[in-house]
C-alpha atoms as a PDB file:
ATOM      1  CA  UNK A   1      69.171 170.739  74.336  1.00  0.00           C
ATOM      2  CA  UNK A   2      70.888 169.471  71.183  1.00  0.00           C
ATOM      3  CA  UNK A   3      73.643 171.301  69.360  1.00  0.00           C
ATOM      4  CA  UNK A   4      71.307 171.859  66.324  1.00  0.00           C
ATOM      5  CA  UNK A   5      68.239 173.084  68.593  1.00  0.00           C
ATOM      6  CA  UNK A   6      70.615 175.608  70.626  1.00  0.00           C
ATOM      7  CA  UNK A   7      71.910 176.873  67.141  1.00  0.00           C
ATOM      8  CA  UNK A   8      68.143 177.273  65.865  1.00  0.00           C
ATOM      9  CA  UNK A   9      67.349 179.236  69.047  1.00  0.00           C
ATOM     10  CA  UNK A  10      70.194 181.447  68.901  1.00  0.00           C
ATOM     11  CA  UNK A  11      69.530 182.130  65.167  1.00  0.00           C
ATOM     12  CA  UNK A  12      66.087 182.823  65.684  1.00  0.00           C
ATOM     13  CA  UNK A  13      66.697 185.026  68.503  1.00  0.00           C
ATOM     14  CA  UNK A  14      69.201 187.094  66.585  1.00  0.00           C
ATOM     15  CA  UNK A  15      66.553 187.840  63.872  1.00  0.00           C
ATOM     16  CA  UNK A  16      63.806 188.409  66.615  1.00  0.00           C
ATOM     17  CA  UNK A  17      61.819 185.583  65.505  1.00  0.00           C
ATOM     18  CA  UNK A  18      59.560 183.497  67.937  1.00  0.00           C
ATOM     19  CA  UNK A  19      58.888 179.917  67.799  1.00  0.00           C
ATOM     20  CA  UNK A  20      55.370 178.966  66.682  1.00  0.00           C
ATOM     21  CA  UNK A  21      55.767 175.065  66.345  1.00  0.00           C
ATOM     22  CA  UNK A  22      57.460 172.146  68.297  1.00  0.00           C
ATOM     23  CA  UNK A  23      58.293 168.789  67.212  1.00  0.00           C
ATOM     24  CA  UNK A  24      55.230 167.237  68.069  1.00  0.00           C
ATOM     25  CA  UNK A  25      53.136 169.410  65.814  1.00  0.00           C
ATOM     26  CA  UNK A  26      55.430 168.897  62.796  1.00  0.00           C
ATOM     27  CA  UNK A  27      55.282 165.127  63.379  1.00  0.00           C
ATOM     28  CA  UNK A  28      51.432 165.226  63.597  1.00  0.00           C
ATOM     29  CA  UNK A  29      51.243 167.772  60.498  1.00  0.00           C
ATOM     30  CA  UNK A  30      53.715 165.326  58.504  1.00  0.00           C
ATOM     31  CA  UNK A  31      51.867 162.076  59.579  1.00  0.00           C
ATOM     32  CA  UNK A  32      48.401 163.467  58.463  1.00  0.00           C
ATOM     33  CA  UNK A  33      49.635 164.703  54.971  1.00  0.00           C
ATOM     34  CA  UNK A  34      51.575 161.549  54.369  1.00  0.00           C
ATOM     35  CA  UNK A  35      48.183 159.754  54.443  1.00  0.00           C
ATOM     36  CA  UNK A  36      46.854 161.888  51.496  1.00  0.00           C
ATOM     37  CA  UNK A  37      46.888 159.963  47.904  1.00  0.00           C
ATOM     38  CA  UNK A  38      48.856 161.699  46.254  1.00  0.00           C
ATOM     39  CA  UNK A  39      50.221 163.758  49.462  1.00  0.00           C
ATOM     40  CA  UNK A  40      50.336 167.496  48.591  1.00  0.00           C
ATOM     41  CA  UNK A  41      53.681 168.881  47.823  1.00  0.00           C
ATOM     42  CA  UNK A  42      55.686 171.214  49.936  1.00  0.00           C
ATOM     43  CA  UNK A  43      59.118 173.130  50.278  1.00  0.00           C
ATOM     44  CA  UNK A  44      60.705 174.499  53.280  1.00  0.00           C
ATOM     45  CA  UNK A  45      62.930 177.664  54.026  1.00  0.00           C
ATOM     46  CA  UNK A  46      65.762 176.732  56.385  1.00  0.00           C
ATOM     47  CA  UNK A  47      66.474 179.069  59.385  1.00  0.00           C
ATOM     48  CA  UNK A  48      69.931 178.025  59.770  1.00  0.00           C
ATOM     49  CA  UNK A  49      71.386 177.916  56.015  1.00  0.00           C
ATOM     50  CA  UNK A  50      68.927 180.074  54.748  1.00  0.00           C
ATOM     51  CA  UNK A  51      67.871 178.135  51.922  1.00  0.00           C
ATOM     52  CA  UNK A  52      64.782 177.161  49.933  1.00  0.00           C
ATOM     53  CA  UNK A  53      64.333 173.619  49.556  1.00  0.00           C
ATOM     54  CA  UNK A  54      62.760 171.847  46.250  1.00  0.00           C
ATOM     55  CA  UNK A  55      59.471 170.868  46.082  1.00  0.00           C
ATOM     56  CA  UNK A  56      58.963 167.343  47.385  1.00  0.00           C
ATOM     57  CA  UNK A  57      55.885 165.067  48.381  1.00  0.00           C
ATOM     58  CA  UNK A  58      57.434 162.715  50.859  1.00  0.00           C
ATOM     59  CA  UNK A  59      56.293 163.616  54.147  1.00  0.00           C
ATOM     60  CA  UNK A  60      57.165 161.108  56.453  1.00  0.00           C
ATOM     61  CA  UNK A  61      61.079 160.915  56.078  1.00  0.00           C
ATOM     62  CA  UNK A  62      62.007 163.982  54.105  1.00  0.00           C
ATOM     63  CA  UNK A  63      60.462 167.047  56.241  1.00  0.00           C
ATOM     64  CA  UNK A  64      62.580 166.062  59.348  1.00  0.00           C
ATOM     65  CA  UNK A  65      64.320 165.237  61.692  1.00  0.00           C
ATOM     66  CA  UNK A  66      65.579 168.723  62.455  1.00  0.00           C
ATOM     67  CA  UNK A  67      62.124 170.389  62.352  1.00  0.00           C
ATOM     68  CA  UNK A  68      63.728 173.357  64.552  1.00  0.00           C
ATOM     69  CA  UNK A  69      65.506 174.466  61.484  1.00  0.00           C
ATOM     70  CA  UNK A  70      62.246 175.063  59.563  1.00  0.00           C
ATOM     71  CA  UNK A  71      61.561 178.677  59.522  1.00  0.00           C
ATOM     72  CA  UNK A  72      58.372 177.979  57.302  1.00  0.00           C
ATOM     73  CA  UNK A  73      57.019 175.391  55.110  1.00  0.00           C
ATOM     74  CA  UNK A  74      54.622 176.139  51.910  1.00  0.00           C
ATOM     75  CA  UNK A  75      52.170 173.596  51.023  1.00  0.00           C
ATOM     76  CA  UNK A  76      50.942 173.338  47.201  1.00  0.00           C
ATOM     77  CA  UNK A  77      47.116 172.577  47.529  1.00  0.00           C
ATOM     78  CA  UNK A  78      46.819 171.821  43.878  1.00  0.00           C
ATOM     79  CA  UNK A  79      44.907 168.785  43.262  1.00  0.00           C
ATOM     80  CA  UNK A  80      43.429 168.569  46.758  1.00  0.00           C
ATOM     81  CA  UNK A  81      40.723 170.315  48.565  1.00  0.00           C
ATOM     82  CA  UNK A  82      42.068 173.302  50.194  1.00  0.00           C
ATOM     83  CA  UNK A  83      39.605 173.031  52.752  1.00  0.00           C
ATOM     84  CA  UNK A  84      40.765 169.751  53.774  1.00  0.00           C
ATOM     85  CA  UNK A  85      44.225 170.906  54.129  1.00  0.00           C
ATOM     86  CA  UNK A  86      43.374 173.925  56.143  1.00  0.00           C
ATOM     87  CA  UNK A  87      41.379 171.498  58.465  1.00  0.00           C
ATOM     88  CA  UNK A  88      44.696 169.391  59.056  1.00  0.00           C
ATOM     89  CA  UNK A  89      46.477 172.540  59.831  1.00  0.00           C
ATOM     90  CA  UNK A  90      43.700 173.857  62.082  1.00  0.00           C
ATOM     91  CA  UNK A  91      43.599 170.145  64.103  1.00  0.00           C
ATOM     92  CA  UNK A  92      47.290 170.248  64.561  1.00  0.00           C
ATOM     93  CA  UNK A  93      47.364 173.754  65.739  1.00  0.00           C
ATOM     94  CA  UNK A  94      49.650 174.867  63.144  1.00  0.00           C
ATOM     95  CA  UNK A  95      49.936 178.753  62.441  1.00  0.00           C
ATOM     96  CA  UNK A  96      49.736 179.415  58.938  1.00  0.00           C
ATOM     97  CA  UNK A  97      48.652 181.973  56.017  1.00  0.00           C
ATOM     98  CA  UNK A  98      47.120 181.540  53.000  1.00  0.00           C
ATOM     99  CA  UNK A  99      47.687 182.959  49.713  1.00  0.00           C
ATOM    100  CA  UNK A 100      46.296 182.245  46.114  1.00  0.00           C
ATOM    101  CA  UNK A 101      48.786 179.761  45.408  1.00  0.00           C
ATOM    102  CA  UNK A 102      49.920 178.403  48.842  1.00  0.00           C
ATOM    103  CA  UNK A 103      49.406 177.811  52.572  1.00  0.00           C
ATOM    104  CA  UNK A 104      52.694 178.798  54.414  1.00  0.00           C
ATOM    105  CA  UNK A 105      53.230 177.230  57.956  1.00  0.00           C
ATOM    106  CA  UNK A 106      55.016 178.913  60.212  1.00  0.00           C
ATOM    107  CA  UNK A 107      57.729 177.439  62.363  1.00  0.00           C
ATOM    108  CA  UNK A 108      59.148 180.863  63.351  1.00  0.00           C
ATOM    109  CA  UNK A 109      57.989 184.373  62.718  1.00  0.00           C
END
């Protein structure tokens, strides 16, 4: 296990969080949304540094490579069919919750 992955595991355990996503699911999710034109905006909350990122639309290079540190990722569905975004999340098997504004995918919970 990589040092980063071990740090993520320890931090999650200390906060009582369970892992809901793995690298394969994150890659599938990123690949799917990178094909949208334009891609939906996203931001992440980092488990290790407890930091909320800025909004971004680059799914292929900017989300990873340390998927293990993503506590959650929010998707702004503005300008997209919300049902299509939800279908991608279901197809990938990504656990998420929906609010009026965003869809939040859980890396940990």
